[in-house]
Amino acid sequence: YSDITAGAADQELVSSADLIDEFDTA
């Protein structure tokens, strides 16, 4: 038996597909 409470739906919204590989920038 397992009982798990976890964060979810933690996606990031970016404005452009060109940012697919950019992280921690303005």
PDB file of all heavy atoms in Angstrom:
ATOM      1  N   TYR A   1       0.858  -1.188   0.000  1.00  0.00           N
ATOM      2  CA  TYR A   1       0.000   0.000   0.000  1.00  0.00           C
ATOM      3  C   TYR A   1       0.890   1.233   0.000  1.00  0.00           C
ATOM      4  O   TYR A   1       1.882   1.311   0.739  1.00  0.00           O
ATOM      5  CB  TYR A   1      -0.919   0.032   1.222  1.00  0.00           C
ATOM      6  CG  TYR A   1      -1.733   1.305   1.311  1.00  0.00           C
ATOM      7  CD1 TYR A   1      -2.845   1.488   0.495  1.00  0.00           C
ATOM      8  CD2 TYR A   1      -1.369   2.334   2.184  1.00  0.00           C
ATOM      9  CE1 TYR A   1      -3.587   2.668   0.558  1.00  0.00           C
ATOM     10  CE2 TYR A   1      -2.103   3.500   2.250  1.00  0.00           C
ATOM     11  CZ  TYR A   1      -3.211   3.667   1.430  1.00  0.00           C
ATOM     12  OH  TYR A   1      -3.932   4.826   1.478  1.00  0.00           O
ATOM     13  N   SER A   2       0.552   2.215  -0.840  1.00  0.00           N
ATOM     14  CA  SER A   2       1.293   3.465  -0.913  1.00  0.00           C
ATOM     15  C   SER A   2       0.323   4.636  -0.885  1.00  0.00           C
ATOM     16  O   SER A   2      -0.735   4.588  -1.529  1.00  0.00           O
ATOM     17  CB  SER A   2       2.134   3.543  -2.194  1.00  0.00           C
ATOM     18  OG  SER A   2       3.140   2.561  -2.207  1.00  0.00           O
ATOM     19  N   ASP A   3       0.701   5.667  -0.155  1.00  0.00           N
ATOM     20  CA  ASP A   3      -0.076   6.904  -0.081  1.00  0.00           C
ATOM     21  C   ASP A   3       0.879   8.043  -0.422  1.00  0.00           C
ATOM     22  O   ASP A   3       1.885   8.250   0.271  1.00  0.00           O
ATOM     23  CB  ASP A   3      -0.658   7.073   1.319  1.00  0.00           C
ATOM     24  CG  ASP A   3      -1.560   8.305   1.428  1.00  0.00           C
ATOM     25  OD1 ASP A   3      -1.941   8.853   0.374  1.00  0.00           O
ATOM     26  OD2 ASP A   3      -1.861   8.715   2.558  1.00  0.00           O
ATOM     27  N   ILE A   4       0.574   8.783  -1.508  1.00  0.00           N
ATOM     28  CA  ILE A   4       1.489   9.804  -2.012  1.00  0.00           C
ATOM     29  C   ILE A   4       0.725  11.112  -2.207  1.00  0.00           C
ATOM     30  O   ILE A   4      -0.330  11.135  -2.844  1.00  0.00           O
ATOM     31  CB  ILE A   4       2.120   9.381  -3.353  1.00  0.00           C
ATOM     32  CG1 ILE A   4       2.800   8.018  -3.233  1.00  0.00           C
ATOM     33  CG2 ILE A   4       3.117  10.426  -3.840  1.00  0.00           C
ATOM     34  CD1 ILE A   4       3.282   7.455  -4.559  1.00  0.00           C
ATOM     35  N   THR A   5       1.271  12.183  -1.666  1.00  0.00           N
ATOM     36  CA  THR A   5       0.808  13.533  -1.968  1.00  0.00           C
ATOM     37  C   THR A   5       1.986  14.277  -2.585  1.00  0.00           C
ATOM     38  O   THR A   5       3.062  14.338  -1.975  1.00  0.00           O
ATOM     39  CB  THR A   5       0.340  14.264  -0.702  1.00  0.00           C
ATOM     40  OG1 THR A   5      -0.758  13.554  -0.130  1.00  0.00           O
ATOM     41  CG2 THR A   5      -0.106  15.683  -1.034  1.00  0.00           C
ATOM     42  N   ALA A   6       1.806  14.804  -3.789  1.00  0.00           N
ATOM     43  CA  ALA A   6       2.944  15.382  -4.505  1.00  0.00           C
ATOM     44  C   ALA A   6       2.513  16.578  -5.326  1.00  0.00           C
ATOM     45  O   ALA A   6       1.348  16.708  -5.722  1.00  0.00           O
ATOM     46  CB  ALA A   6       3.581  14.330  -5.418  1.00  0.00           C
ATOM     47  N   GLY A   7       3.476  17.444  -5.598  1.00  0.00           N
ATOM     48  CA  GLY A   7       3.226  18.557  -6.496  1.00  0.00           C
ATOM     49  C   GLY A   7       2.967  18.074  -7.906  1.00  0.00           C
ATOM     50  O   GLY A   7       3.479  17.049  -8.335  1.00  0.00           O
ATOM     51  N   ALA A   8       2.142  18.824  -8.638  1.00  0.00           N
ATOM     52  CA  ALA A   8       1.790  18.428  -9.999  1.00  0.00           C
ATOM     53  C   ALA A   8       1.475  19.680 -10.806  1.00  0.00           C
ATOM     54  O   ALA A   8       1.356  20.783 -10.269  1.00  0.00           O
ATOM     55  CB  ALA A   8       0.587  17.484  -9.994  1.00  0.00           C
ATOM     56  N   ALA A   9       1.326  19.481 -12.103  1.00  0.00           N
ATOM     57  CA  ALA A   9       1.030  20.595 -13.007  1.00  0.00           C
ATOM     58  C   ALA A   9       2.006  21.741 -12.794  1.00  0.00           C
ATOM     59  O   ALA A   9       1.623  22.904 -12.638  1.00  0.00           O
ATOM     60  CB  ALA A   9      -0.420  21.068 -12.835  1.00  0.00           C
ATOM     61  N   ASP A  10       3.307  21.414 -12.778  1.00  0.00           N
ATOM     62  CA  ASP A  10       4.324  22.423 -12.498  1.00  0.00           C
ATOM     63  C   ASP A  10       5.015  22.917 -13.770  1.00  0.00           C
ATOM     64  O   ASP A  10       6.149  23.368 -13.735  1.00  0.00           O
ATOM     65  CB  ASP A  10       5.367  21.873 -11.522  1.00  0.00           C
ATOM     66  CG  ASP A  10       6.043  20.611 -12.029  1.00  0.00           C
ATOM     67  OD1 ASP A  10       5.826  20.228 -13.197  1.00  0.00           O
ATOM     68  OD2 ASP A  10       6.804  20.002 -11.255  1.00  0.00           O
ATOM     69  N   GLN A  11       4.300  22.868 -14.901  1.00  0.00           N
ATOM     70  CA  GLN A  11       4.906  23.316 -16.157  1.00  0.00           C
ATOM     71  C   GLN A  11       5.169  24.821 -16.158  1.00  0.00           C
ATOM     72  O   GLN A  11       4.571  25.582 -15.407  1.00  0.00           O
ATOM     73  CB  GLN A  11       4.005  22.966 -17.353  1.00  0.00           C
ATOM     74  CG  GLN A  11       3.660  21.497 -17.476  1.00  0.00           C
ATOM     75  CD  GLN A  11       2.261  21.212 -17.023  1.00  0.00           C
ATOM     76  OE1 GLN A  11       1.833  21.690 -15.970  1.00  0.00           O
ATOM     77  NE2 GLN A  11       1.522  20.453 -17.807  1.00  0.00           N
ATOM     78  N   GLU A  12       6.030  25.186 -17.084  1.00  0.00           N
ATOM     79  CA  GLU A  12       6.378  26.590 -17.277  1.00  0.00           C
ATOM     80  C   GLU A  12       5.775  27.087 -18.583  1.00  0.00           C
ATOM     81  O   GLU A  12       5.767  26.361 -19.576  1.00  0.00           O
ATOM     82  CB  GLU A  12       7.906  26.740 -17.321  1.00  0.00           C
ATOM     83  CG  GLU A  12       8.379  28.146 -17.596  1.00  0.00           C
ATOM     84  CD  GLU A  12       9.901  28.222 -17.634  1.00  0.00           C
ATOM     85  OE1 GLU A  12      10.559  27.165 -17.570  1.00  0.00           O
ATOM     86  OE2 GLU A  12      10.420  29.350 -17.742  1.00  0.00           O
ATOM     87  N   LEU A  13       5.263  28.292 -18.587  1.00  0.00           N
ATOM     88  CA  LEU A  13       4.736  28.914 -19.797  1.00  0.00           C
ATOM     89  C   LEU A  13       5.812  29.811 -20.404  1.00  0.00           C
ATOM     90  O   LEU A  13       6.324  30.705 -19.741  1.00  0.00           O
ATOM     91  CB  LEU A  13       3.492  29.742 -19.483  1.00  0.00           C
ATOM     92  CG  LEU A  13       2.782  30.357 -20.697  1.00  0.00           C
ATOM     93  CD1 LEU A  13       2.067  29.283 -21.500  1.00  0.00           C
ATOM     94  CD2 LEU A  13       1.804  31.439 -20.254  1.00  0.00           C
ATOM     95  N   VAL A  14       6.175  29.532 -21.670  1.00  0.00           N
ATOM     96  CA  VAL A  14       7.128  30.389 -22.384  1.00  0.00           C
ATOM     97  C   VAL A  14       6.432  30.942 -23.623  1.00  0.00           C
ATOM     98  O   VAL A  14       5.480  30.363 -24.141  1.00  0.00           O
ATOM     99  CB  VAL A  14       8.412  29.621 -22.766  1.00  0.00           C
ATOM    100  CG1 VAL A  14       9.160  29.179 -21.526  1.00  0.00           C
ATOM    101  CG2 VAL A  14       8.102  28.423 -23.659  1.00  0.00           C
ATOM    102  N   SER A  15       6.920  32.064 -24.097  1.00  0.00           N
ATOM    103  CA  SER A  15       6.211  32.798 -25.145  1.00  0.00           C
ATOM    104  C   SER A  15       6.501  32.282 -26.547  1.00  0.00           C
ATOM    105  O   SER A  15       5.726  32.537 -27.466  1.00  0.00           O
ATOM    106  CB  SER A  15       6.570  34.283 -25.070  1.00  0.00           C
ATOM    107  OG  SER A  15       7.979  34.461 -25.246  1.00  0.00           O
ATOM    108  N   SER A  16       7.624  31.556 -26.727  1.00  0.00           N
ATOM    109  CA  SER A  16       8.043  31.188 -28.073  1.00  0.00           C
ATOM    110  C   SER A  16       8.612  29.783 -28.082  1.00  0.00           C
ATOM    111  O   SER A  16       9.249  29.346 -27.109  1.00  0.00           O
ATOM    112  CB  SER A  16       9.097  32.175 -28.587  1.00  0.00           C
ATOM    113  OG  SER A  16       9.720  31.696 -29.765  1.00  0.00           O
ATOM    114  N   ALA A  17       8.426  29.087 -29.189  1.00  0.00           N
ATOM    115  CA  ALA A  17       9.020  27.764 -29.350  1.00  0.00           C
ATOM    116  C   ALA A  17      10.535  27.833 -29.389  1.00  0.00           C
ATOM    117  O   ALA A  17      11.212  26.836 -29.118  1.00  0.00           O
ATOM    118  CB  ALA A  17       8.492  27.104 -30.628  1.00  0.00           C
ATOM    119  N   ASP A  18      11.090  28.990 -29.687  1.00  0.00           N
ATOM    120  CA  ASP A  18      12.544  29.155 -29.708  1.00  0.00           C
ATOM    121  C   ASP A  18      13.154  29.030 -28.314  1.00  0.00           C
ATOM    122  O   ASP A  18      14.372  28.882 -28.177  1.00  0.00           O
ATOM    123  CB  ASP A  18      12.923  30.518 -30.287  1.00  0.00           C
ATOM    124  CG  ASP A  18      12.524  30.654 -31.752  1.00  0.00           C
ATOM    125  OD1 ASP A  18      12.434  29.613 -32.437  1.00  0.00           O
ATOM    126  OD2 ASP A  18      12.285  31.791 -32.207  1.00  0.00           O
ATOM    127  N   LEU A  19      12.308  29.083 -27.274  1.00  0.00           N
ATOM    128  CA  LEU A  19      12.799  29.015 -25.898  1.00  0.00           C
ATOM    129  C   LEU A  19      12.788  27.599 -25.338  1.00  0.00           C
ATOM    130  O   LEU A  19      12.990  27.406 -24.137  1.00  0.00           O
ATOM    131  CB  LEU A  19      11.948  29.920 -25.002  1.00  0.00           C
ATOM    132  CG  LEU A  19      11.930  31.403 -25.366  1.00  0.00           C
ATOM    133  CD1 LEU A  19      10.933  32.148 -24.483  1.00  0.00           C
ATOM    134  CD2 LEU A  19      13.323  32.009 -25.228  1.00  0.00           C
ATOM    135  N   ILE A  20      12.580  26.606 -26.188  1.00  0.00           N
ATOM    136  CA  ILE A  20      12.418  25.231 -25.709  1.00  0.00           C
ATOM    137  C   ILE A  20      13.624  24.752 -24.915  1.00  0.00           C
ATOM    138  O   ILE A  20      13.508  23.963 -23.985  1.00  0.00           O
ATOM    139  CB  ILE A  20      12.126  24.274 -26.887  1.00  0.00           C
ATOM    140  CG1 ILE A  20      11.712  22.896 -26.353  1.00  0.00           C
ATOM    141  CG2 ILE A  20      13.304  24.181 -27.847  1.00  0.00           C
ATOM    142  CD1 ILE A  20      11.179  21.972 -27.426  1.00  0.00           C
ATOM    143  N   ASP A  21      14.814  25.254 -25.252  1.00  0.00           N
ATOM    144  CA  ASP A  21      16.036  24.821 -24.566  1.00  0.00           C
ATOM    145  C   ASP A  21      16.652  25.915 -23.699  1.00  0.00           C
ATOM    146  O   ASP A  21      17.817  25.838 -23.328  1.00  0.00           O
ATOM    147  CB  ASP A  21      17.076  24.340 -25.582  1.00  0.00           C
ATOM    148  CG  ASP A  21      17.099  22.826 -25.704  1.00  0.00           C
ATOM    149  OD1 ASP A  21      16.581  22.165 -24.791  1.00  0.00           O
ATOM    150  OD2 ASP A  21      17.626  22.308 -26.703  1.00  0.00           O
ATOM    151  N   GLU A  22      15.863  26.942 -23.352  1.00  0.00           N
ATOM    152  CA  GLU A  22      16.358  28.012 -22.483  1.00  0.00           C
ATOM    153  C   GLU A  22      15.789  27.849 -21.081  1.00  0.00           C
ATOM    154  O   GLU A  22      14.600  27.581 -20.906  1.00  0.00           O
ATOM    155  CB  GLU A  22      15.973  29.387 -23.035  1.00  0.00           C
ATOM    156  CG  GLU A  22      16.957  29.941 -24.036  1.00  0.00           C
ATOM    157  CD  GLU A  22      16.827  31.459 -24.188  1.00  0.00           C
ATOM    158  OE1 GLU A  22      16.664  32.149 -23.161  1.00  0.00           O
ATOM    159  OE2 GLU A  22      16.870  31.924 -25.329  1.00  0.00           O
ATOM    160  N   PHE A  23      16.661  28.045 -20.066  1.00  0.00           N
ATOM    161  CA  PHE A  23      16.239  27.906 -18.679  1.00  0.00           C
ATOM    162  C   PHE A  23      16.857  29.025 -17.846  1.00  0.00           C
ATOM    163  O   PHE A  23      17.996  29.449 -18.087  1.00  0.00           O
ATOM    164  CB  PHE A  23      16.664  26.547 -18.117  1.00  0.00           C
ATOM    165  CG  PHE A  23      16.044  25.381 -18.833  1.00  0.00           C
ATOM    166  CD1 PHE A  23      16.660  24.822 -19.947  1.00  0.00           C
ATOM    167  CD2 PHE A  23      14.832  24.861 -18.421  1.00  0.00           C
ATOM    168  CE1 PHE A  23      16.091  23.763 -20.621  1.00  0.00           C
ATOM    169  CE2 PHE A  23      14.248  23.792 -19.091  1.00  0.00           C
ATOM    170  CZ  PHE A  23      14.881  23.250 -20.197  1.00  0.00           C
ATOM    171  N   ASP A  24      16.085  29.485 -16.871  1.00  0.00           N
ATOM    172  CA  ASP A  24      16.570  30.490 -15.914  1.00  0.00           C
ATOM    173  C   ASP A  24      17.104  31.743 -16.601  1.00  0.00           C
ATOM    174  O   ASP A  24      18.180  32.258 -16.269  1.00  0.00           O
ATOM    175  CB  ASP A  24      17.654  29.877 -15.014  1.00  0.00           C
ATOM    176  CG  ASP A  24      17.128  28.690 -14.225  1.00  0.00           C
ATOM    177  OD1 ASP A  24      15.970  28.739 -13.796  1.00  0.00           O
ATOM    178  OD2 ASP A  24      17.881  27.715 -14.064  1.00  0.00           O
ATOM    179  N   THR A  25      16.352  32.230 -17.585  1.00  0.00           N
ATOM    180  CA  THR A  25      16.688  33.492 -18.248  1.00  0.00           C
ATOM    181  C   THR A  25      15.513  34.447 -18.078  1.00  0.00           C
ATOM    182  O   THR A  25      14.441  34.064 -17.583  1.00  0.00           O
ATOM    183  CB  THR A  25      16.968  33.277 -19.739  1.00  0.00           C
ATOM    184  OG1 THR A  25      15.755  32.854 -20.396  1.00  0.00           O
ATOM    185  CG2 THR A  25      18.050  32.224 -19.959  1.00  0.00           C
ATOM    186  N   ALA A  26      15.697  35.692 -18.508  1.00  0.00           N
ATOM    187  CA  ALA A  26      14.616  36.672 -18.399  1.00  0.00           C
ATOM    188  C   ALA A  26      13.402  36.236 -19.208  1.00  0.00           C
ATOM    189  O   ALA A  26      12.256  36.482 -18.819  1.00  0.00           O
ATOM    190  CB  ALA A  26      15.112  38.040 -18.869  1.00  0.00           C
TER     191      ALA A  26
END
